[in-house]
């Protein structure tokens, strides 16, 4: 059999192509691909031994080679069928006369006003700042934002000295506004700036690690200065009964970045809800109603009002509202409230006006 040396490499090349093709079709049909792979794996060595049997050697595998071919072809058939099913277009639904279309298809939902969304963003940013500072805000009433607790460093240290095991789980990781006189400014082993504030006694001061360079603060941080710091409570630096209380990531009391991020996230959530309808993601129906009314109040603003522009400074928006009766905006929004409630499936509150902080 002088052609055996030529047939052998051709056989192995074909078998390699079949194995590669088997892996290629697994994306559309795992079962079809596995059947093709099994057929190819059996076909290669069986063909080799079948060729050797033609030269008179023992170990003929002609039956195995013959049986592996239909197995491979079965895998090809299953894979092709699966691919056709995936690529076939979904059957069109037959809509009979009188069938109700979805709200989005029928186009009966109100259009979302980008300017009103910017107004909503501005007043949510202001509400967040008011809520954190402990002022009167609808976000407080809705239990969506809690005021940041303000506490002298010495009082916090005394709480820890009184019952460390009970106090630490409550305060550790919380952000507080810690106040006190700067007793000393030092640099620790990690080159972090540490302010020493009054502690429970004269022996152990409260250690406040600054988040950034003290030179970047609006006012110099020096010994003898009374400071308000927005810090995360770390806890005691040791397990001893009497030891230093440690605060980390201390910054100036400036909630502006947090308020802007909060307002942006809330605006995106409101935008999605107004466009798609359905169940809202806010904590309560009252909260959803307040946000809806706040948005609708923005639709009552005169053109050119700075609150309608996203890039307008918050102070400029608030100043423009002070020059008009802001409460009248919320009252005027009542005329469009029912239409939106029907679209959103939102129940009508007993007295929505009480939700407004303006």
Protein backbone atom coordinates (compact mmCIF):
# COMPACT_ATOMS: atom_id res chain seq x y z
CA UNK A 1 0.00 0.00 0.00
CA UNK A 2 2.22 2.78 -1.33
CA UNK A 3 -0.44 5.44 -0.65
CA UNK A 4 -0.54 4.77 3.11
CA UNK A 5 2.11 7.44 3.99
CA UNK A 6 0.02 10.02 2.11
CA UNK A 7 -3.34 8.92 3.51
CA UNK A 8 -2.14 9.05 7.12
CA UNK A 9 -1.40 12.83 7.32
CA UNK A 10 -4.58 13.59 5.36
CA UNK A 11 -6.52 11.52 7.89
CA UNK A 12 -5.03 13.40 10.85
CA UNK A 13 -5.61 16.81 9.22
CA UNK A 14 -9.25 15.97 8.57
CA UNK A 15 -9.71 14.69 12.10
CA UNK A 16 -8.14 17.85 13.57
CA UNK A 17 -10.51 20.01 11.51
CA UNK A 18 -13.47 17.94 12.73
CA UNK A 19 -12.39 18.39 16.38
CA UNK A 20 -12.05 22.16 15.88
CA UNK A 21 -15.46 22.30 14.22
CA UNK A 22 -16.94 20.42 17.18
CA UNK A 23 -15.74 23.07 19.62
CA UNK A 24 -16.97 25.80 17.28
CA UNK A 25 -20.60 24.66 17.27
CA UNK A 26 -20.82 24.29 21.07
CA UNK A 27 -21.84 27.94 21.24
CA UNK A 28 -25.20 27.10 19.67
CA UNK A 29 -25.63 23.52 20.91
CA UNK A 30 -23.62 21.86 23.67
CA UNK A 31 -25.15 18.44 22.99
CA UNK A 32 -24.53 18.63 19.24
CA UNK A 33 -20.96 19.76 19.80
CA UNK A 34 -20.23 16.96 22.26
CA UNK A 35 -21.63 14.36 19.84
CA UNK A 36 -19.47 15.74 17.03
CA UNK A 37 -16.43 15.78 19.31
CA UNK A 38 -17.03 12.16 20.39
CA UNK A 39 -17.35 11.08 16.76
CA UNK A 40 -14.18 12.92 15.76
CA UNK A 41 -12.18 11.49 18.69
CA UNK A 42 -13.25 7.94 17.84
CA UNK A 43 -12.75 8.47 14.12
CA UNK A 44 -9.09 9.55 14.25
CA UNK A 45 -7.43 6.54 15.98
CA UNK A 46 -9.94 4.12 14.43
CA UNK A 47 -9.07 5.36 10.95
CA UNK A 48 -5.37 5.03 11.75
CA UNK A 49 -5.74 1.44 12.84
CA UNK A 50 -8.04 0.72 9.88
CA UNK A 51 -5.35 1.98 7.51
CA UNK A 52 -2.77 -0.20 9.23
CA UNK A 53 -5.06 -3.23 8.80
CA UNK A 54 -4.93 -2.64 5.06
CA UNK A 55 -1.18 -3.22 5.23
CA UNK A 56 -1.74 -6.57 6.91
CA UNK A 57 -1.22 -5.51 10.51
CA UNK A 58 -3.60 -6.60 13.29
CA UNK A 59 -6.01 -4.42 15.25
CA UNK A 60 -8.48 -3.47 12.57
CA UNK A 61 -10.92 -0.72 13.68
CA UNK A 62 -12.91 -0.38 10.50
CA UNK A 63 -16.27 -0.97 12.32
CA UNK A 64 -15.44 1.75 14.89
CA UNK A 65 -14.51 4.19 12.14
CA UNK A 66 -17.73 3.45 10.30
CA UNK A 67 -19.86 3.87 13.45
CA UNK A 68 -18.20 7.17 14.40
CA UNK A 69 -19.28 8.79 11.14
CA UNK A 70 -23.07 8.70 11.84
CA UNK A 71 -22.37 9.84 15.40
CA UNK A 72 -20.57 12.89 14.05
CA UNK A 73 -23.30 13.55 11.50
CA UNK A 74 -25.96 13.35 14.23
CA UNK A 75 -24.10 16.07 16.14
CA UNK A 76 -24.00 18.22 13.00
CA UNK A 77 -27.75 17.84 12.56
CA UNK A 78 -28.53 18.80 16.18
CA UNK A 79 -26.21 21.81 16.05
CA UNK A 80 -27.68 23.05 12.77
CA UNK A 81 -31.23 22.73 14.10
CA UNK A 82 -30.35 24.60 17.28
CA UNK A 83 -28.73 27.42 15.29
CA UNK A 84 -31.80 27.79 13.11
CA UNK A 85 -34.05 27.99 16.17
CA UNK A 86 -31.91 30.70 17.75
CA UNK A 87 -31.73 32.81 14.59
CA UNK A 88 -35.41 32.45 13.71
CA UNK A 89 -37.43 35.64 14.40
CA UNK A 90 -40.01 35.53 17.15
CA UNK A 91 -43.54 35.04 15.86
CA UNK A 92 -45.57 38.21 15.68
CA UNK A 93 -48.35 38.50 18.21
CA UNK A 94 -51.77 38.91 16.71
CA UNK A 95 -53.50 41.85 18.38
CA UNK A 96 -57.23 41.74 18.06
CA UNK A 97 -59.44 44.78 18.02
CA UNK A 98 -60.16 45.87 21.55
CA UNK A 99 -56.99 44.37 23.03
CA UNK A 100 -55.32 46.78 25.41
CA UNK A 101 -51.84 47.95 24.48
CA UNK A 102 -49.20 48.61 27.11
CA UNK A 103 -48.86 52.16 28.30
CA UNK A 104 -45.53 52.60 26.59
CA UNK A 105 -46.83 51.28 23.25
CA UNK A 106 -49.97 53.39 23.32
CA UNK A 107 -47.96 56.52 24.10
CA UNK A 108 -50.42 57.74 26.72
CA UNK A 109 -47.81 58.44 29.39
CA UNK A 110 -46.75 62.05 30.09
CA UNK A 111 -43.45 63.29 28.72
CA UNK A 112 -40.54 63.78 31.12
CA UNK A 113 -39.35 67.39 31.37
CA UNK A 114 -35.51 67.63 31.60
CA UNK A 115 -35.71 71.10 33.16
CA UNK A 116 -38.04 69.85 35.90
CA UNK A 117 -35.61 67.02 36.60
CA UNK A 118 -32.84 69.59 37.08
CA UNK A 119 -35.09 71.48 39.50
CA UNK A 120 -35.67 68.22 41.36
CA UNK A 121 -31.91 67.62 41.48
CA UNK A 122 -31.27 71.05 43.00
CA UNK A 123 -33.91 70.86 45.71
CA UNK A 124 -32.90 67.29 46.66
CA UNK A 125 -29.32 68.49 47.06
CA UNK A 126 -30.53 71.31 49.30
CA UNK A 127 -32.82 68.97 51.26
CA UNK A 128 -29.91 66.59 51.85
CA UNK A 129 -27.72 69.40 53.20
CA UNK A 130 -30.54 70.61 55.46
CA UNK A 131 -31.25 67.08 56.67
CA UNK A 132 -27.61 66.34 57.57
CA UNK A 133 -27.30 69.61 59.46
CA UNK A 134 -30.37 68.75 61.55
CA UNK A 135 -32.71 71.28 59.97
CA UNK A 136 -36.31 70.72 58.88
CA UNK A 137 -36.35 68.66 55.72
CA UNK A 138 -38.84 66.33 54.08
CA UNK A 139 -36.03 63.77 53.80
CA UNK A 140 -35.90 63.72 57.61
CA UNK A 141 -39.65 63.22 57.84
CA UNK A 142 -39.47 60.39 55.31
CA UNK A 143 -36.63 58.75 57.29
CA UNK A 144 -34.42 58.77 54.20
CA UNK A 145 -31.63 60.88 55.69
CA UNK A 146 -30.68 61.14 59.35
CA UNK A 147 -28.88 64.19 60.77
CA UNK A 148 -25.18 63.75 61.46
CA UNK A 149 -24.64 63.69 65.21
CA UNK A 150 -22.40 66.41 66.63
CA UNK A 151 -20.43 65.56 69.77
CA UNK A 152 -17.47 67.00 71.72
CA UNK A 153 -14.42 64.74 71.63
CA UNK A 154 -14.31 64.60 75.43
CA UNK A 155 -17.91 63.36 75.64
CA UNK A 156 -17.27 60.62 73.08
CA UNK A 157 -14.16 59.56 75.00
CA UNK A 158 -16.08 59.42 78.28
CA UNK A 159 -18.73 57.20 76.69
CA UNK A 160 -15.99 54.78 75.69
CA UNK A 161 -14.39 54.86 79.11
CA UNK A 162 -17.75 54.16 80.77
CA UNK A 163 -18.63 50.94 78.92
CA UNK A 164 -16.33 50.16 76.02
CA UNK A 165 -17.94 46.84 75.06
CA UNK A 166 -21.43 48.33 74.84
CA UNK A 167 -20.45 51.61 73.18
CA UNK A 168 -17.97 50.40 70.57
CA UNK A 169 -20.42 48.33 68.45
CA UNK A 170 -22.72 51.36 68.27
CA UNK A 171 -20.11 53.97 67.29
CA UNK A 172 -17.40 52.05 65.42
CA UNK A 173 -17.55 52.89 61.72
CA UNK A 174 -20.07 55.73 62.20
CA UNK A 175 -19.37 59.21 60.87
CA UNK A 176 -19.74 62.00 63.42
CA UNK A 177 -19.03 65.70 63.67
CA UNK A 178 -16.47 65.78 66.47
CA UNK A 179 -15.68 69.12 68.07
CA UNK A 180 -12.91 70.23 70.37
CA UNK A 181 -9.77 72.30 70.89
CA UNK A 182 -6.61 71.22 69.10
CA UNK A 183 -4.20 70.33 71.91
CA UNK A 184 -1.36 69.28 69.60
CA UNK A 185 -0.53 68.62 65.95
CA UNK A 186 1.91 65.80 65.16
CA UNK A 187 3.04 63.47 62.39
CA UNK A 188 2.87 59.72 63.07
CA UNK A 189 5.12 56.93 61.78
CA UNK A 190 3.09 56.68 58.54
CA UNK A 191 3.45 60.44 57.85
CA UNK A 192 -0.22 61.02 58.67
CA UNK A 193 -1.21 64.28 60.36
CA UNK A 194 -2.76 63.61 63.77
CA UNK A 195 -4.69 66.19 65.77
CA UNK A 196 -4.91 65.58 69.50
CA UNK A 197 -8.30 66.61 70.92
CA UNK A 198 -9.53 66.57 74.53
CA UNK A 199 -10.22 63.07 75.87
CA UNK A 200 -11.85 61.63 78.97
CA UNK A 201 -8.92 62.79 81.10
CA UNK A 202 -5.61 64.60 80.84
CA UNK A 203 -3.64 61.41 80.24
CA UNK A 204 -5.34 60.16 77.10
CA UNK A 205 -6.28 62.52 74.28
CA UNK A 206 -8.52 61.69 71.35
CA UNK A 207 -6.39 61.06 68.24
CA UNK A 208 -7.93 62.45 65.03
CA UNK A 209 -6.21 61.42 61.80
CA UNK A 210 -6.73 63.96 59.00
CA UNK A 211 -7.87 62.70 55.62
CA UNK A 212 -5.86 65.30 53.71
CA UNK A 213 -3.13 67.87 54.10
CA UNK A 214 -4.14 70.38 56.81
CA UNK A 215 -2.83 73.15 54.54
CA UNK A 216 -5.73 72.39 52.18
CA UNK A 217 -8.29 73.23 54.89
CA UNK A 218 -10.12 76.53 54.51
CA UNK A 219 -8.57 77.77 57.76
CA UNK A 220 -5.21 76.87 59.33
CA UNK A 221 -5.29 73.89 61.68
CA UNK A 222 -3.03 74.89 64.55
CA UNK A 223 -2.69 74.21 68.24
CA UNK A 224 -5.24 76.09 70.33
CA UNK A 225 -7.81 76.32 67.53
CA UNK A 226 -11.36 75.02 68.10
CA UNK A 227 -12.32 72.71 65.23
CA UNK A 228 -15.31 70.86 63.86
CA UNK A 229 -14.21 67.64 62.13
CA UNK A 230 -16.25 65.14 60.12
CA UNK A 231 -14.68 61.84 61.19
CA UNK A 232 -15.20 58.09 61.16
CA UNK A 233 -14.98 56.51 64.62
CA UNK A 234 -12.30 53.80 64.66
CA UNK A 235 -12.44 52.98 68.37
CA UNK A 236 -9.72 52.41 70.92
CA UNK A 237 -6.25 51.61 69.74
CA UNK A 238 -5.81 48.88 72.37
CA UNK A 239 -7.88 46.52 74.52
CA UNK A 240 -6.89 48.22 77.74
CA UNK A 241 -9.54 49.85 79.89
CA UNK A 242 -7.85 53.24 79.61
CA UNK A 243 -6.36 54.11 76.22
CA UNK A 244 -6.58 56.59 73.37
CA UNK A 245 -9.73 56.86 71.28
CA UNK A 246 -8.91 56.98 67.55
CA UNK A 247 -10.77 58.82 64.77
CA UNK A 248 -9.86 58.40 61.08
CA UNK A 249 -10.56 60.10 57.72
CA UNK A 250 -11.27 63.44 59.41
CA UNK A 251 -12.17 66.31 57.09
CA UNK A 252 -13.78 69.70 57.31
CA UNK A 253 -17.54 69.64 57.73
CA UNK A 254 -18.53 69.96 54.09
CA UNK A 255 -21.39 67.77 52.90
CA UNK A 256 -21.54 69.33 49.43
CA UNK A 257 -19.91 66.41 47.53
CA UNK A 258 -22.10 63.87 49.33
CA UNK A 259 -25.23 65.97 48.69
CA UNK A 260 -24.49 66.28 44.98
CA UNK A 261 -23.92 62.53 44.61
CA UNK A 262 -27.10 61.79 46.58
CA UNK A 263 -29.17 64.17 44.42
CA UNK A 264 -27.72 62.78 41.18
CA UNK A 265 -28.54 59.18 42.14
CA UNK A 266 -32.05 60.13 43.25
CA UNK A 267 -32.66 62.04 40.02
CA UNK A 268 -31.61 59.08 37.88
CA UNK A 269 -33.94 56.81 39.88
CA UNK A 270 -36.82 59.25 39.41
CA UNK A 271 -36.07 59.65 35.70
CA UNK A 272 -36.27 55.90 35.12
CA UNK A 273 -39.50 55.58 37.10
CA UNK A 274 -41.22 58.45 35.28
CA UNK A 275 -40.27 57.01 31.89
CA UNK A 276 -41.17 53.39 32.45
CA UNK A 277 -43.90 53.52 35.10
CA UNK A 278 -44.61 50.52 37.28
CA UNK A 279 -43.51 49.94 40.83
CA UNK A 280 -41.18 52.54 42.30
CA UNK A 281 -37.96 51.71 44.16
CA UNK A 282 -38.34 54.31 46.91
CA UNK A 283 -38.86 53.30 50.57
CA UNK A 284 -42.56 54.26 50.76
CA UNK A 285 -45.41 55.54 48.62
CA UNK A 286 -45.21 58.81 50.56
CA UNK A 287 -41.59 59.23 49.53
CA UNK A 288 -42.47 58.47 45.90
CA UNK A 289 -45.33 60.98 46.03
CA UNK A 290 -43.08 63.68 47.49
CA UNK A 291 -40.53 63.15 44.75
CA UNK A 292 -43.26 63.22 42.09
CA UNK A 293 -44.74 66.44 43.46
CA UNK A 294 -41.26 68.00 43.67
CA UNK A 295 -40.63 67.13 40.04
CA UNK A 296 -44.03 68.51 38.97
CA UNK A 297 -43.30 71.74 40.86
CA UNK A 298 -40.36 72.19 38.52
CA UNK A 299 -42.72 72.15 35.54
CA UNK A 300 -44.35 75.30 36.94
CA UNK A 301 -41.16 77.39 36.89
CA UNK A 302 -40.95 80.24 34.39
CA UNK A 303 -38.53 79.74 31.46
CA UNK A 304 -35.04 80.97 32.22
CA UNK A 305 -35.15 80.10 35.92
CA UNK A 306 -31.70 78.91 37.00
CA UNK A 307 -33.17 75.83 38.71
CA UNK A 308 -33.98 74.45 35.26
CA UNK A 309 -30.27 74.22 34.38
CA UNK A 310 -28.20 71.36 35.73
CA UNK A 311 -24.97 73.38 35.75
CA UNK A 312 -26.48 76.27 37.72
CA UNK A 313 -24.99 76.66 41.23
CA UNK A 314 -27.26 75.52 44.05
CA UNK A 315 -27.07 78.94 45.68
CA UNK A 316 -28.38 80.61 42.53
CA UNK A 317 -31.33 78.22 42.35
CA UNK A 318 -32.21 78.65 46.03
CA UNK A 319 -31.93 82.43 45.71
CA UNK A 320 -34.38 82.44 42.79
CA UNK A 321 -36.87 80.37 44.81
CA UNK A 322 -36.63 82.79 47.73
CA UNK A 323 -37.82 85.56 45.43
CA UNK A 324 -41.03 83.73 44.58
CA UNK A 325 -43.57 81.75 46.56
CA UNK A 326 -41.99 78.32 46.36
CA UNK A 327 -44.99 76.76 48.08
CA UNK A 328 -47.16 77.98 45.20
CA UNK A 329 -45.14 75.80 42.82
CA UNK A 330 -46.14 72.70 44.74
CA UNK A 331 -49.76 73.80 44.83
CA UNK A 332 -49.79 74.44 41.08
CA UNK A 333 -48.36 70.97 40.48
CA UNK A 334 -51.56 69.47 41.86
CA UNK A 335 -53.36 69.91 38.53
CA UNK A 336 -51.06 67.41 36.79
CA UNK A 337 -50.65 65.07 39.76
CA UNK A 338 -53.60 62.76 39.05
CA UNK A 339 -52.52 62.08 35.46
CA UNK A 340 -49.07 61.04 36.63
CA UNK A 341 -50.44 58.94 39.48
CA UNK A 342 -52.60 57.02 37.04
CA UNK A 343 -49.66 56.39 34.73
CA UNK A 344 -47.39 55.35 37.60
CA UNK A 345 -50.03 53.40 39.52
CA UNK A 346 -49.31 55.48 42.61
CA UNK A 347 -52.00 55.71 45.32
CA UNK A 348 -53.17 59.17 46.33
CA UNK A 349 -51.93 60.19 49.82
CA UNK A 350 -54.26 61.66 52.41
CA UNK A 351 -52.49 65.03 52.37
CA UNK A 352 -49.59 65.31 49.95
CA UNK A 353 -48.96 68.96 50.89
CA UNK A 354 -47.56 67.89 54.26
CA UNK A 355 -44.72 66.14 52.44
CA UNK A 356 -43.25 69.37 51.16
CA UNK A 357 -40.68 71.18 53.26
CA UNK A 358 -41.38 74.43 51.41
